[in-house]
């Protein structure tokens, strides 16, 4: 996960599909990737809390939607980027 939005592992939480869709669109609008610096600007501007971001990313990871998941950068898989 992006460091600024990292939390220790926790129990799975319900993810609001509308918020997950918005985050997905933000990733797509940003070239299907996001760096830590970009997340620091984009996520708060769109009302995402660290917990909400973490929960959505965990759900995406469970669905194999992330090609890269690192401390400084995350990238969607080609299928997630294309909306397949």
C-alpha atoms as a PDB file:
ATOM      1  CA  UNK A   1       0.000   0.000   0.000  1.00  0.00           C
ATOM      2  CA  UNK A   2       0.953   3.588  -0.276  1.00  0.00           C
ATOM      3  CA  UNK A   3       2.840   4.441   2.900  1.00  0.00           C
ATOM      4  CA  UNK A   4       0.855   7.513   3.819  1.00  0.00           C
ATOM      5  CA  UNK A   5      -2.278   5.381   3.814  1.00  0.00           C
ATOM      6  CA  UNK A   6      -0.883   2.227   5.436  1.00  0.00           C
ATOM      7  CA  UNK A   7      -2.336   0.689   8.557  1.00  0.00           C
ATOM      8  CA  UNK A   8      -1.567  -2.623  10.228  1.00  0.00           C
ATOM      9  CA  UNK A   9      -3.700  -5.546   9.052  1.00  0.00           C
ATOM     10  CA  UNK A  10      -7.255  -5.459  10.315  1.00  0.00           C
ATOM     11  CA  UNK A  11     -10.473  -7.338   9.863  1.00  0.00           C
ATOM     12  CA  UNK A  12     -12.144  -7.050   6.469  1.00  0.00           C
ATOM     13  CA  UNK A  13     -14.558  -4.150   6.284  1.00  0.00           C
ATOM     14  CA  UNK A  14     -17.509  -3.407   4.084  1.00  0.00           C
ATOM     15  CA  UNK A  15     -16.571  -1.320   1.083  1.00  0.00           C
ATOM     16  CA  UNK A  16     -19.027   1.176  -0.374  1.00  0.00           C
ATOM     17  CA  UNK A  17     -19.256   0.221  -4.085  1.00  0.00           C
ATOM     18  CA  UNK A  18     -19.812   3.853  -5.129  1.00  0.00           C
ATOM     19  CA  UNK A  19     -16.634   4.951  -3.328  1.00  0.00           C
ATOM     20  CA  UNK A  20     -14.682   2.027  -4.783  1.00  0.00           C
ATOM     21  CA  UNK A  21     -15.914   3.036  -8.242  1.00  0.00           C
ATOM     22  CA  UNK A  22     -14.813   6.630  -7.639  1.00  0.00           C
ATOM     23  CA  UNK A  23     -11.364   5.496  -6.521  1.00  0.00           C
ATOM     24  CA  UNK A  24     -11.119   3.241  -9.553  1.00  0.00           C
ATOM     25  CA  UNK A  25     -11.975   6.187 -11.800  1.00  0.00           C
ATOM     26  CA  UNK A  26      -9.353   8.323 -10.067  1.00  0.00           C
ATOM     27  CA  UNK A  27      -6.755   5.624 -10.746  1.00  0.00           C
ATOM     28  CA  UNK A  28      -7.854   5.363 -14.393  1.00  0.00           C
ATOM     29  CA  UNK A  29      -7.777   9.149 -14.817  1.00  0.00           C
ATOM     30  CA  UNK A  30      -4.234   9.054 -13.452  1.00  0.00           C
ATOM     31  CA  UNK A  31      -2.969   6.518 -16.003  1.00  0.00           C
ATOM     32  CA  UNK A  32      -4.133   3.478 -13.995  1.00  0.00           C
ATOM     33  CA  UNK A  33      -1.474   4.065 -11.378  1.00  0.00           C
ATOM     34  CA  UNK A  34      -0.838   6.294  -8.398  1.00  0.00           C
ATOM     35  CA  UNK A  35       2.298   7.226  -6.520  1.00  0.00           C
ATOM     36  CA  UNK A  36       2.465   8.095  -2.842  1.00  0.00           C
ATOM     37  CA  UNK A  37       2.852  11.785  -3.691  1.00  0.00           C
ATOM     38  CA  UNK A  38      -0.121  11.740  -6.068  1.00  0.00           C
ATOM     39  CA  UNK A  39      -2.245   9.916  -3.497  1.00  0.00           C
ATOM     40  CA  UNK A  40      -1.389  12.581  -0.940  1.00  0.00           C
ATOM     41  CA  UNK A  41      -3.090  15.156  -3.159  1.00  0.00           C
ATOM     42  CA  UNK A  42      -5.798  13.188  -4.980  1.00  0.00           C
ATOM     43  CA  UNK A  43      -7.275  11.163  -2.132  1.00  0.00           C
ATOM     44  CA  UNK A  44      -7.924  13.939   0.423  1.00  0.00           C
ATOM     45  CA  UNK A  45      -9.274  16.193  -2.344  1.00  0.00           C
ATOM     46  CA  UNK A  46     -11.876  13.494  -3.024  1.00  0.00           C
ATOM     47  CA  UNK A  47     -12.746  12.842   0.616  1.00  0.00           C
ATOM     48  CA  UNK A  48     -10.967   9.501   1.066  1.00  0.00           C
ATOM     49  CA  UNK A  49      -9.811   8.657   4.561  1.00  0.00           C
ATOM     50  CA  UNK A  50      -6.804   6.437   5.114  1.00  0.00           C
ATOM     51  CA  UNK A  51      -9.070   3.663   6.401  1.00  0.00           C
ATOM     52  CA  UNK A  52     -11.450   3.864   3.449  1.00  0.00           C
ATOM     53  CA  UNK A  53      -8.548   3.779   0.994  1.00  0.00           C
ATOM     54  CA  UNK A  54      -6.997   0.818   2.779  1.00  0.00           C
ATOM     55  CA  UNK A  55     -10.259  -1.132   2.779  1.00  0.00           C
ATOM     56  CA  UNK A  56     -10.841  -0.563  -0.933  1.00  0.00           C
ATOM     57  CA  UNK A  57      -7.255  -1.506  -1.819  1.00  0.00           C
ATOM     58  CA  UNK A  58      -7.593  -4.719   0.203  1.00  0.00           C
ATOM     59  CA  UNK A  59     -10.789  -5.574  -1.671  1.00  0.00           C
ATOM     60  CA  UNK A  60      -9.045  -4.911  -4.990  1.00  0.00           C
ATOM     61  CA  UNK A  61      -6.087  -7.027  -3.928  1.00  0.00           C
ATOM     62  CA  UNK A  62      -8.464  -9.888  -3.103  1.00  0.00           C
ATOM     63  CA  UNK A  63      -9.889  -9.539  -6.637  1.00  0.00           C
ATOM     64  CA  UNK A  64      -6.400  -9.462  -8.229  1.00  0.00           C
ATOM     65  CA  UNK A  65      -6.944  -5.955  -9.585  1.00  0.00           C
ATOM     66  CA  UNK A  66      -3.461  -4.685  -8.644  1.00  0.00           C
ATOM     67  CA  UNK A  67      -0.420  -5.335 -10.806  1.00  0.00           C
ATOM     68  CA  UNK A  68       1.934  -3.377  -8.548  1.00  0.00           C
ATOM     69  CA  UNK A  69       1.343  -2.805  -4.842  1.00  0.00           C
ATOM     70  CA  UNK A  70       4.299  -1.125  -3.248  1.00  0.00           C
ATOM     71  CA  UNK A  71       5.207   1.504  -0.713  1.00  0.00           C
ATOM     72  CA  UNK A  72       5.660   4.245  -3.295  1.00  0.00           C
ATOM     73  CA  UNK A  73       3.420   3.221  -6.199  1.00  0.00           C
ATOM     74  CA  UNK A  74       0.332   1.186  -7.053  1.00  0.00           C
ATOM     75  CA  UNK A  75      -0.804   0.127 -10.501  1.00  0.00           C
ATOM     76  CA  UNK A  76      -3.978  -1.535 -11.729  1.00  0.00           C
ATOM     77  CA  UNK A  77      -3.847  -4.705 -13.795  1.00  0.00           C
ATOM     78  CA  UNK A  78      -4.581  -4.281 -17.506  1.00  0.00           C
ATOM     79  CA  UNK A  79      -8.023  -5.825 -17.014  1.00  0.00           C
ATOM     80  CA  UNK A  80      -8.896  -3.485 -14.110  1.00  0.00           C
ATOM     81  CA  UNK A  81      -7.609  -0.515 -16.055  1.00  0.00           C
ATOM     82  CA  UNK A  82      -9.735  -1.435 -19.073  1.00  0.00           C
ATOM     83  CA  UNK A  83     -12.800  -2.119 -16.961  1.00  0.00           C
ATOM     84  CA  UNK A  84     -12.979  -5.821 -17.762  1.00  0.00           C
END
